[in-house]
All heavy atoms as atom14 arrays in JSON, in Angstrom:
{
  "sequence": "LNWLNQPAWMQVHRWRYAFATQPLQQPCFSAESSPPLICCGDWCPGG",
  "atom14_mask": [
    [1, 1, 1, 1, 1, 1, 1, 1, 0, 0, 0, 0, 0, 0],
    [1, 1, 1, 1, 1, 1, 1, 1, 0, 0, 0, 0, 0, 0],
    [1, 1, 1, 1, 1, 1, 1, 1, 1, 1, 1, 1, 1, 1],
    [1, 1, 1, 1, 1, 1, 1, 1, 0, 0, 0, 0, 0, 0],
    [1, 1, 1, 1, 1, 1, 1, 1, 0, 0, 0, 0, 0, 0],
    [1, 1, 1, 1, 1, 1, 1, 1, 1, 0, 0, 0, 0, 0],
    [1, 1, 1, 1, 1, 1, 1, 0, 0, 0, 0, 0, 0, 0],
    [1, 1, 1, 1, 1, 0, 0, 0, 0, 0, 0, 0, 0, 0],
    [1, 1, 1, 1, 1, 1, 1, 1, 1, 1, 1, 1, 1, 1],
    [1, 1, 1, 1, 1, 1, 1, 1, 0, 0, 0, 0, 0, 0],
    [1, 1, 1, 1, 1, 1, 1, 1, 1, 0, 0, 0, 0, 0],
    [1, 1, 1, 1, 1, 1, 1, 0, 0, 0, 0, 0, 0, 0],
    [1, 1, 1, 1, 1, 1, 1, 1, 1, 1, 0, 0, 0, 0],
    [1, 1, 1, 1, 1, 1, 1, 1, 1, 1, 1, 0, 0, 0],
    [1, 1, 1, 1, 1, 1, 1, 1, 1, 1, 1, 1, 1, 1],
    [1, 1, 1, 1, 1, 1, 1, 1, 1, 1, 1, 0, 0, 0],
    [1, 1, 1, 1, 1, 1, 1, 1, 1, 1, 1, 1, 0, 0],
    [1, 1, 1, 1, 1, 0, 0, 0, 0, 0, 0, 0, 0, 0],
    [1, 1, 1, 1, 1, 1, 1, 1, 1, 1, 1, 0, 0, 0],
    [1, 1, 1, 1, 1, 0, 0, 0, 0, 0, 0, 0, 0, 0],
    [1, 1, 1, 1, 1, 1, 1, 0, 0, 0, 0, 0, 0, 0],
    [1, 1, 1, 1, 1, 1, 1, 1, 1, 0, 0, 0, 0, 0],
    [1, 1, 1, 1, 1, 1, 1, 0, 0, 0, 0, 0, 0, 0],
    [1, 1, 1, 1, 1, 1, 1, 1, 0, 0, 0, 0, 0, 0],
    [1, 1, 1, 1, 1, 1, 1, 1, 1, 0, 0, 0, 0, 0],
    [1, 1, 1, 1, 1, 1, 1, 1, 1, 0, 0, 0, 0, 0],
    [1, 1, 1, 1, 1, 1, 1, 0, 0, 0, 0, 0, 0, 0],
    [1, 1, 1, 1, 1, 1, 0, 0, 0, 0, 0, 0, 0, 0],
    [1, 1, 1, 1, 1, 1, 1, 1, 1, 1, 1, 0, 0, 0],
    [1, 1, 1, 1, 1, 1, 0, 0, 0, 0, 0, 0, 0, 0],
    [1, 1, 1, 1, 1, 0, 0, 0, 0, 0, 0, 0, 0, 0],
    [1, 1, 1, 1, 1, 1, 1, 1, 1, 0, 0, 0, 0, 0],
    [1, 1, 1, 1, 1, 1, 0, 0, 0, 0, 0, 0, 0, 0],
    [1, 1, 1, 1, 1, 1, 0, 0, 0, 0, 0, 0, 0, 0],
    [1, 1, 1, 1, 1, 1, 1, 0, 0, 0, 0, 0, 0, 0],
    [1, 1, 1, 1, 1, 1, 1, 0, 0, 0, 0, 0, 0, 0],
    [1, 1, 1, 1, 1, 1, 1, 1, 0, 0, 0, 0, 0, 0],
    [1, 1, 1, 1, 1, 1, 1, 1, 0, 0, 0, 0, 0, 0],
    [1, 1, 1, 1, 1, 1, 0, 0, 0, 0, 0, 0, 0, 0],
    [1, 1, 1, 1, 1, 1, 0, 0, 0, 0, 0, 0, 0, 0],
    [1, 1, 1, 1, 0, 0, 0, 0, 0, 0, 0, 0, 0, 0],
    [1, 1, 1, 1, 1, 1, 1, 1, 0, 0, 0, 0, 0, 0],
    [1, 1, 1, 1, 1, 1, 1, 1, 1, 1, 1, 1, 1, 1],
    [1, 1, 1, 1, 1, 1, 0, 0, 0, 0, 0, 0, 0, 0],
    [1, 1, 1, 1, 1, 1, 1, 0, 0, 0, 0, 0, 0, 0],
    [1, 1, 1, 1, 0, 0, 0, 0, 0, 0, 0, 0, 0, 0],
    [1, 1, 1, 1, 0, 0, 0, 0, 0, 0, 0, 0, 0, 0]
  ],
  "atom14_positions": [
    [[0.87, -1.18, 0.0], [0.0, 0.0, 0.0], [0.91, 1.22, 0.0], [1.15, 1.85, 1.03], [-0.91, 0.0, 1.24], [-1.91, -1.17, 1.36], [-2.59, -1.15, 2.73], [-2.95, -1.1, 0.26], [0.0, 0.0, 0.0], [0.0, 0.0, 0.0], [0.0, 0.0, 0.0], [0.0, 0.0, 0.0], [0.0, 0.0, 0.0], [0.0, 0.0, 0.0]],
    [[1.43, 1.55, -1.17], [2.48, 2.56, -1.25], [2.04, 3.95, -0.82], [2.86, 4.82, -0.54], [3.02, 2.62, -2.68], [3.71, 1.33, -3.08], [4.27, 0.64, -2.24], [3.64, 0.98, -4.37], [0.0, 0.0, 0.0], [0.0, 0.0, 0.0], [0.0, 0.0, 0.0], [0.0, 0.0, 0.0], [0.0, 0.0, 0.0], [0.0, 0.0, 0.0]],
    [[0.73, 4.19, -0.75], [0.22, 5.5, -0.37], [0.19, 5.72, 1.15], [-0.17, 6.82, 1.61], [-1.19, 5.71, -0.94], [-2.12, 4.55, -0.72], [-2.35, 3.5, -1.58], [-2.93, 4.31, 0.44], [-3.27, 2.63, -1.03], [-3.64, 3.1, 0.2], [-3.14, 4.99, 1.63], [-4.54, 2.57, 1.12], [-4.03, 4.46, 2.56], [-4.72, 3.26, 2.29]],
    [[0.56, 4.71, 1.92], [0.5, 4.88, 3.37], [1.42, 5.99, 3.88], [1.16, 6.59, 4.91], [0.86, 3.56, 4.07], [-0.2, 2.46, 4.08], [0.23, 1.3, 4.95], [-1.56, 2.98, 4.54], [0.0, 0.0, 0.0], [0.0, 0.0, 0.0], [0.0, 0.0, 0.0], [0.0, 0.0, 0.0], [0.0, 0.0, 0.0], [0.0, 0.0, 0.0]],
    [[2.51, 6.27, 3.15], [3.42, 7.33, 3.6], [3.01, 8.71, 3.07], [3.79, 9.65, 3.1], [4.86, 7.03, 3.21], [5.08, 7.05, 1.71], [4.1, 7.03, 0.94], [6.33, 7.06, 1.29], [0.0, 0.0, 0.0], [0.0, 0.0, 0.0], [0.0, 0.0, 0.0], [0.0, 0.0, 0.0], [0.0, 0.0, 0.0], [0.0, 0.0, 0.0]],
    [[1.77, 8.81, 2.59], [1.25, 10.1, 2.12], [-0.09, 10.4, 2.8], [-1.13, 10.54, 2.15], [1.07, 10.07, 0.6], [2.37, 9.82, -0.15], [2.15, 9.57, -1.64], [1.02, 9.46, -2.1], [3.23, 9.5, -2.38], [0.0, 0.0, 0.0], [0.0, 0.0, 0.0], [0.0, 0.0, 0.0], [0.0, 0.0, 0.0], [0.0, 0.0, 0.0]],
    [[-0.1, 10.51, 4.12], [-1.35, 10.75, 4.83], [-1.82, 12.2, 4.66], [-1.03, 13.09, 4.36], [-0.99, 10.46, 6.29], [0.46, 10.82, 6.37], [1.06, 10.42, 5.05], [0.0, 0.0, 0.0], [0.0, 0.0, 0.0], [0.0, 0.0, 0.0], [0.0, 0.0, 0.0], [0.0, 0.0, 0.0], [0.0, 0.0, 0.0], [0.0, 0.0, 0.0]],
    [[-3.1, 12.4, 4.89], [-3.62, 13.77, 4.91], [-3.14, 14.51, 6.15], [-2.95, 15.72, 6.13], [-5.15, 13.74, 4.87], [0.0, 0.0, 0.0], [0.0, 0.0, 0.0], [0.0, 0.0, 0.0], [0.0, 0.0, 0.0], [0.0, 0.0, 0.0], [0.0, 0.0, 0.0], [0.0, 0.0, 0.0], [0.0, 0.0, 0.0], [0.0, 0.0, 0.0]],
    [[-2.92, 13.77, 7.23], [-2.37, 14.33, 8.46], [-1.74, 13.2, 9.27], [-2.07, 12.03, 9.05], [-3.44, 15.05, 9.29], [-4.65, 14.22, 9.6], [-5.83, 14.19, 8.93], [-4.79, 13.25, 10.67], [-6.71, 13.29, 9.49], [-6.09, 12.7, 10.56], [-3.95, 12.81, 11.69], [-6.57, 11.74, 11.44], [-4.42, 11.85, 12.57], [-5.72, 11.33, 12.44]],
    [[-0.87, 13.54, 10.17], [-0.25, 12.54, 11.02], [0.29, 13.19, 12.29], [0.6, 14.39, 12.32], [0.89, 11.81, 10.3], [2.07, 12.71, 9.94], [3.48, 11.79, 9.27], [4.1, 11.03, 10.76], [0.0, 0.0, 0.0], [0.0, 0.0, 0.0], [0.0, 0.0, 0.0], [0.0, 0.0, 0.0], [0.0, 0.0, 0.0], [0.0, 0.0, 0.0]],
    [[0.37, 12.41, 13.35], [1.04, 12.81, 14.58], [1.8, 11.6, 15.11], [1.41, 10.45, 14.86], [0.05, 13.29, 15.65], [-0.51, 14.68, 15.38], [-1.24, 15.24, 16.59], [-1.1, 14.74, 17.72], [-2.01, 16.29, 16.38], [0.0, 0.0, 0.0], [0.0, 0.0, 0.0], [0.0, 0.0, 0.0], [0.0, 0.0, 0.0], [0.0, 0.0, 0.0]],
    [[2.89, 11.87, 15.84], [3.7, 10.79, 16.41], [3.8, 11.01, 17.92], [4.03, 12.13, 18.38], [5.12, 10.77, 15.79], [5.9, 9.57, 16.31], [5.04, 10.75, 14.27], [0.0, 0.0, 0.0], [0.0, 0.0, 0.0], [0.0, 0.0, 0.0], [0.0, 0.0, 0.0], [0.0, 0.0, 0.0], [0.0, 0.0, 0.0], [0.0, 0.0, 0.0]],
    [[3.61, 9.93, 18.67], [3.71, 10.0, 20.12], [4.84, 9.08, 20.58], [4.97, 7.96, 20.11], [2.4, 9.58, 20.78], [2.43, 9.71, 22.28], [2.15, 10.89, 22.93], [2.71, 8.8, 23.25], [2.26, 10.71, 24.23], [2.61, 9.45, 24.46], [0.0, 0.0, 0.0], [0.0, 0.0, 0.0], [0.0, 0.0, 0.0], [0.0, 0.0, 0.0]],
    [[5.62, 9.59, 21.54], [6.75, 8.83, 22.08], [6.34, 8.22, 23.43], [6.01, 8.94, 24.37], [7.93, 9.78, 22.27], [9.22, 9.14, 22.71], [10.24, 10.19, 23.17], [10.03, 11.51, 22.64], [10.76, 12.06, 21.67], [11.75, 11.38, 21.12], [10.53, 13.29, 21.26], [0.0, 0.0, 0.0], [0.0, 0.0, 0.0], [0.0, 0.0, 0.0]],
    [[6.36, 6.89, 23.5], [6.14, 6.19, 24.77], [7.51, 5.76, 25.3], [8.08, 4.78, 24.83], [5.25, 4.97, 24.59], [3.83, 5.29, 24.21], [3.24, 5.11, 23.0], [2.82, 5.84, 25.07], [1.94, 5.52, 23.04], [1.65, 5.97, 24.3], [2.79, 6.23, 26.41], [0.46, 6.48, 24.82], [1.61, 6.73, 26.93], [0.47, 6.85, 26.15]],
    [[8.01, 6.49, 26.26], [9.34, 6.18, 26.81], [9.31, 4.89, 27.63], [10.29, 4.14, 27.66], [9.83, 7.36, 27.66], [11.27, 7.26, 28.11], [11.69, 8.52, 28.83], [11.73, 9.66, 27.94], [12.78, 9.99, 27.21], [13.88, 9.25, 27.24], [12.74, 11.05, 26.42], [0.0, 0.0, 0.0], [0.0, 0.0, 0.0], [0.0, 0.0, 0.0]],
    [[8.2, 4.64, 28.3], [8.09, 3.46, 29.16], [6.89, 2.64, 28.69], [5.84, 2.57, 29.36], [7.92, 3.87, 30.62], [8.99, 4.81, 31.11], [8.69, 6.12, 31.45], [10.31, 4.37, 31.22], [9.67, 6.98, 31.91], [11.3, 5.24, 31.66], [10.98, 6.54, 32.0], [11.96, 7.39, 32.44], [0.0, 0.0, 0.0], [0.0, 0.0, 0.0]],
    [[7.02, 2.0, 27.54], [5.88, 1.3, 26.94], [5.66, -0.08, 27.55], [4.53, -0.44, 27.9], [6.09, 1.18, 25.43], [0.0, 0.0, 0.0], [0.0, 0.0, 0.0], [0.0, 0.0, 0.0], [0.0, 0.0, 0.0], [0.0, 0.0, 0.0], [0.0, 0.0, 0.0], [0.0, 0.0, 0.0], [0.0, 0.0, 0.0], [0.0, 0.0, 0.0]],
    [[6.73, -0.88, 27.67], [6.59, -2.27, 28.12], [7.69, -2.59, 29.13], [8.85, -2.28, 28.91], [6.71, -3.24, 26.94], [5.81, -2.9, 25.78], [6.33, -2.34, 24.62], [4.45, -3.13, 25.85], [5.52, -2.02, 23.55], [3.62, -2.82, 24.78], [4.15, -2.26, 23.64], [0.0, 0.0, 0.0], [0.0, 0.0, 0.0], [0.0, 0.0, 0.0]],
    [[7.29, -3.22, 30.23], [8.27, -3.63, 31.24], [9.02, -4.87, 30.74], [8.41, -5.91, 30.49], [7.6, -3.92, 32.56], [0.0, 0.0, 0.0], [0.0, 0.0, 0.0], [0.0, 0.0, 0.0], [0.0, 0.0, 0.0], [0.0, 0.0, 0.0], [0.0, 0.0, 0.0], [0.0, 0.0, 0.0], [0.0, 0.0, 0.0], [0.0, 0.0, 0.0]],
    [[10.34, -4.74, 30.56], [11.14, -5.86, 30.08], [11.77, -6.65, 31.23], [12.16, -7.8, 31.05], [12.26, -5.35, 29.15], [13.05, -4.38, 29.86], [11.67, -4.7, 27.91], [0.0, 0.0, 0.0], [0.0, 0.0, 0.0], [0.0, 0.0, 0.0], [0.0, 0.0, 0.0], [0.0, 0.0, 0.0], [0.0, 0.0, 0.0], [0.0, 0.0, 0.0]],
    [[11.91, -6.02, 32.39], [12.45, -6.71, 33.57], [11.51, -6.43, 34.75], [11.82, -5.64, 35.62], [13.86, -6.21, 33.88], [14.88, -6.53, 32.79], [16.19, -5.78, 33.03], [16.29, -4.57, 32.86], [17.19, -6.53, 33.46], [0.0, 0.0, 0.0], [0.0, 0.0, 0.0], [0.0, 0.0, 0.0], [0.0, 0.0, 0.0], [0.0, 0.0, 0.0]],
    [[10.34, -7.08, 34.76], [9.37, -6.8, 35.83], [9.85, -7.29, 37.18], [10.8, -8.07, 37.29], [8.13, -7.56, 35.36], [8.66, -8.65, 34.48], [9.86, -8.09, 33.81], [0.0, 0.0, 0.0], [0.0, 0.0, 0.0], [0.0, 0.0, 0.0], [0.0, 0.0, 0.0], [0.0, 0.0, 0.0], [0.0, 0.0, 0.0], [0.0, 0.0, 0.0]],
    [[9.15, -6.83, 38.19], [9.5, -7.16, 39.56], [9.1, -8.59, 39.94], [9.65, -9.17, 40.87], [8.81, -6.16, 40.5], [9.37, -5.94, 41.89], [10.81, -5.46, 41.83], [8.5, -4.96, 42.64], [0.0, 0.0, 0.0], [0.0, 0.0, 0.0], [0.0, 0.0, 0.0], [0.0, 0.0, 0.0], [0.0, 0.0, 0.0], [0.0, 0.0, 0.0]],
    [[8.11, -9.13, 39.24], [7.59, -10.48, 39.5], [6.96, -10.59, 40.89], [7.12, -11.59, 41.59], [8.7, -11.54, 39.34], [9.37, -11.55, 37.98], [8.44, -11.99, 36.85], [7.3, -12.34, 37.08], [8.93, -11.97, 35.62], [0.0, 0.0, 0.0], [0.0, 0.0, 0.0], [0.0, 0.0, 0.0], [0.0, 0.0, 0.0], [0.0, 0.0, 0.0]],
    [[6.25, -9.54, 41.3], [5.45, -9.6, 42.51], [4.26, -8.65, 42.34], [4.31, -7.73, 41.51], [6.27, -9.24, 43.75], [6.76, -7.81, 43.81], [7.67, -7.57, 45.0], [8.67, -8.26, 45.18], [7.33, -6.59, 45.83], [0.0, 0.0, 0.0], [0.0, 0.0, 0.0], [0.0, 0.0, 0.0], [0.0, 0.0, 0.0], [0.0, 0.0, 0.0]],
    [[3.17, -8.84, 43.09], [1.94, -8.1, 42.82], [2.06, -6.58, 42.95], [1.52, -5.83, 42.14], [0.95, -8.66, 43.84], [1.48, -10.01, 44.18], [2.98, -9.89, 44.11], [0.0, 0.0, 0.0], [0.0, 0.0, 0.0], [0.0, 0.0, 0.0], [0.0, 0.0, 0.0], [0.0, 0.0, 0.0], [0.0, 0.0, 0.0], [0.0, 0.0, 0.0]],
    [[2.74, -6.11, 44.0], [2.96, -4.68, 44.17], [4.26, -4.51, 44.96], [4.92, -5.49, 45.28], [1.77, -4.0, 44.86], [1.43, -4.59, 46.54], [0.0, 0.0, 0.0], [0.0, 0.0, 0.0], [0.0, 0.0, 0.0], [0.0, 0.0, 0.0], [0.0, 0.0, 0.0], [0.0, 0.0, 0.0], [0.0, 0.0, 0.0], [0.0, 0.0, 0.0]],
    [[4.61, -3.27, 45.26], [5.94, -3.0, 45.82], [5.8, -2.05, 46.99], [5.38, -0.89, 46.83], [6.82, -2.38, 44.73], [8.24, -2.12, 45.14], [9.17, -3.14, 45.16], [8.64, -0.85, 45.5], [10.49, -2.9, 45.54], [9.95, -0.6, 45.88], [10.88, -1.63, 45.9], [0.0, 0.0, 0.0], [0.0, 0.0, 0.0], [0.0, 0.0, 0.0]],
    [[6.13, -2.51, 48.18], [6.06, -1.67, 49.37], [7.42, -1.05, 49.65], [8.46, -1.72, 49.59], [5.61, -2.5, 50.58], [5.71, -1.72, 51.76], [0.0, 0.0, 0.0], [0.0, 0.0, 0.0], [0.0, 0.0, 0.0], [0.0, 0.0, 0.0], [0.0, 0.0, 0.0], [0.0, 0.0, 0.0], [0.0, 0.0, 0.0], [0.0, 0.0, 0.0]],
    [[7.41, 0.25, 49.96], [8.66, 0.93, 50.34], [9.04, 0.62, 51.77], [10.11, 1.06, 52.24], [8.51, 2.44, 50.16], [0.0, 0.0, 0.0], [0.0, 0.0, 0.0], [0.0, 0.0, 0.0], [0.0, 0.0, 0.0], [0.0, 0.0, 0.0], [0.0, 0.0, 0.0], [0.0, 0.0, 0.0], [0.0, 0.0, 0.0], [0.0, 0.0, 0.0]],
    [[8.2, -0.13, 52.49], [8.44, -0.51, 53.89], [8.73, 0.72, 54.75], [9.66, 0.74, 55.55], [9.58, -1.53, 53.97], [9.28, -2.81, 53.2], [10.41, -3.82, 53.26], [11.38, -3.57, 54.02], [10.33, -4.84, 52.57], [0.0, 0.0, 0.0], [0.0, 0.0, 0.0], [0.0, 0.0, 0.0], [0.0, 0.0, 0.0], [0.0, 0.0, 0.0]],
    [[7.92, 1.75, 54.54], [8.11, 3.02, 55.22], [6.94, 3.3, 56.15], [5.9, 2.65, 56.1], [8.22, 4.15, 54.19], [7.0, 4.26, 53.46], [0.0, 0.0, 0.0], [0.0, 0.0, 0.0], [0.0, 0.0, 0.0], [0.0, 0.0, 0.0], [0.0, 0.0, 0.0], [0.0, 0.0, 0.0], [0.0, 0.0, 0.0], [0.0, 0.0, 0.0]],
    [[7.13, 4.27, 57.0], [6.05, 4.78, 57.83], [6.07, 6.31, 57.71], [7.07, 6.94, 58.05], [6.25, 4.38, 59.3], [5.19, 4.87, 60.09], [0.0, 0.0, 0.0], [0.0, 0.0, 0.0], [0.0, 0.0, 0.0], [0.0, 0.0, 0.0], [0.0, 0.0, 0.0], [0.0, 0.0, 0.0], [0.0, 0.0, 0.0], [0.0, 0.0, 0.0]],
    [[5.0, 6.89, 57.18], [3.71, 6.35, 56.76], [3.85, 5.4, 55.57], [4.86, 5.43, 54.86], [2.89, 7.6, 56.38], [3.64, 8.77, 56.93], [5.07, 8.37, 56.99], [0.0, 0.0, 0.0], [0.0, 0.0, 0.0], [0.0, 0.0, 0.0], [0.0, 0.0, 0.0], [0.0, 0.0, 0.0], [0.0, 0.0, 0.0], [0.0, 0.0, 0.0]],
    [[2.82, 4.58, 55.31], [2.91, 3.6, 54.23], [3.01, 4.25, 52.84], [2.39, 5.28, 52.57], [1.6, 2.81, 54.36], [1.13, 3.06, 55.75], [1.58, 4.43, 56.09], [0.0, 0.0, 0.0], [0.0, 0.0, 0.0], [0.0, 0.0, 0.0], [0.0, 0.0, 0.0], [0.0, 0.0, 0.0], [0.0, 0.0, 0.0], [0.0, 0.0, 0.0]],
    [[3.78, 3.6, 51.98], [3.91, 4.01, 50.58], [4.03, 2.74, 49.73], [4.89, 1.91, 49.99], [5.12, 4.91, 50.38], [5.28, 5.57, 49.0], [5.99, 6.91, 49.12], [6.05, 4.67, 48.04], [0.0, 0.0, 0.0], [0.0, 0.0, 0.0], [0.0, 0.0, 0.0], [0.0, 0.0, 0.0], [0.0, 0.0, 0.0], [0.0, 0.0, 0.0]],
    [[3.12, 2.59, 48.76], [3.07, 1.4, 47.91], [3.18, 1.83, 46.46], [2.56, 2.8, 46.03], [1.74, 0.63, 48.1], [1.5, 0.31, 49.58], [1.72, -0.64, 47.26], [2.48, -0.64, 50.2], [0.0, 0.0, 0.0], [0.0, 0.0, 0.0], [0.0, 0.0, 0.0], [0.0, 0.0, 0.0], [0.0, 0.0, 0.0], [0.0, 0.0, 0.0]],
    [[3.97, 1.09, 45.68], [4.04, 1.29, 44.23], [3.29, 0.14, 43.56], [3.33, -1.0, 44.02], [5.48, 1.29, 43.74], [6.49, 2.64, 44.39], [0.0, 0.0, 0.0], [0.0, 0.0, 0.0], [0.0, 0.0, 0.0], [0.0, 0.0, 0.0], [0.0, 0.0, 0.0], [0.0, 0.0, 0.0], [0.0, 0.0, 0.0], [0.0, 0.0, 0.0]],
    [[2.6, 0.47, 42.46], [1.92, -0.58, 41.71], [1.94, -0.24, 40.23], [2.26, 0.88, 39.83], [0.48, -0.76, 42.2], [-0.6, 0.65, 41.92], [0.0, 0.0, 0.0], [0.0, 0.0, 0.0], [0.0, 0.0, 0.0], [0.0, 0.0, 0.0], [0.0, 0.0, 0.0], [0.0, 0.0, 0.0], [0.0, 0.0, 0.0], [0.0, 0.0, 0.0]],
    [[1.62, -1.22, 39.41], [1.63, -1.03, 37.96], [1.9, -2.34, 37.26], [2.23, -3.35, 37.91], [0.0, 0.0, 0.0], [0.0, 0.0, 0.0], [0.0, 0.0, 0.0], [0.0, 0.0, 0.0], [0.0, 0.0, 0.0], [0.0, 0.0, 0.0], [0.0, 0.0, 0.0], [0.0, 0.0, 0.0], [0.0, 0.0, 0.0], [0.0, 0.0, 0.0]],
    [[1.78, -2.34, 35.94], [2.01, -3.58, 35.2], [3.44, -4.08, 35.33], [3.73, -5.25, 35.12], [1.63, -3.43, 33.72], [2.35, -2.28, 33.04], [3.28, -1.7, 33.63], [1.98, -1.95, 31.89], [0.0, 0.0, 0.0], [0.0, 0.0, 0.0], [0.0, 0.0, 0.0], [0.0, 0.0, 0.0], [0.0, 0.0, 0.0], [0.0, 0.0, 0.0]],
    [[4.36, -3.19, 35.71], [5.76, -3.57, 35.85], [6.02, -4.36, 37.14], [7.12, -4.89, 37.31], [6.66, -2.33, 35.83], [6.28, -1.25, 36.82], [5.43, -0.2, 36.61], [6.73, -1.14, 38.18], [5.32, 0.57, 37.75], [6.11, 0.02, 38.73], [7.57, -1.89, 38.99], [6.32, 0.44, 40.04], [7.79, -1.48, 40.3], [7.17, -0.32, 40.8]],
    [[5.06, -4.44, 38.03], [5.25, -5.24, 39.25], [5.12, -6.73, 38.94], [6.11, -7.45, 39.01], [4.28, -4.79, 40.32], [4.7, -3.2, 41.09], [0.0, 0.0, 0.0], [0.0, 0.0, 0.0], [0.0, 0.0, 0.0], [0.0, 0.0, 0.0], [0.0, 0.0, 0.0], [0.0, 0.0, 0.0], [0.0, 0.0, 0.0], [0.0, 0.0, 0.0]],
    [[3.93, -7.21, 38.55], [3.85, -8.65, 38.24], [4.39, -8.98, 36.86], [4.79, -10.12, 36.61], [2.34, -8.92, 38.31], [1.69, -7.62, 38.01], [2.62, -6.56, 38.52], [0.0, 0.0, 0.0], [0.0, 0.0, 0.0], [0.0, 0.0, 0.0], [0.0, 0.0, 0.0], [0.0, 0.0, 0.0], [0.0, 0.0, 0.0], [0.0, 0.0, 0.0]],
    [[4.41, -8.0, 35.95], [4.83, -8.26, 34.58], [3.63, -8.62, 33.73], [2.87, -9.53, 34.07], [0.0, 0.0, 0.0], [0.0, 0.0, 0.0], [0.0, 0.0, 0.0], [0.0, 0.0, 0.0], [0.0, 0.0, 0.0], [0.0, 0.0, 0.0], [0.0, 0.0, 0.0], [0.0, 0.0, 0.0], [0.0, 0.0, 0.0], [0.0, 0.0, 0.0]],
    [[3.45, -7.89, 32.64], [2.31, -8.11, 31.77], [1.76, -6.79, 31.27], [2.48, -5.78, 31.27], [0.0, 0.0, 0.0], [0.0, 0.0, 0.0], [0.0, 0.0, 0.0], [0.0, 0.0, 0.0], [0.0, 0.0, 0.0], [0.0, 0.0, 0.0], [0.0, 0.0, 0.0], [0.0, 0.0, 0.0], [0.0, 0.0, 0.0], [0.0, 0.0, 0.0]]
  ]
}
């Protein structure tokens, strides 16, 4: 489809952190602090 590089308009978005390649392999991440602080996201269990 040679016309794909001739769009009427286009925009490009940069995802710096798109996919976790070295996940934590646990459900969430506690900083073990007081007061409590928890990190979560797809990068914790991986997926």
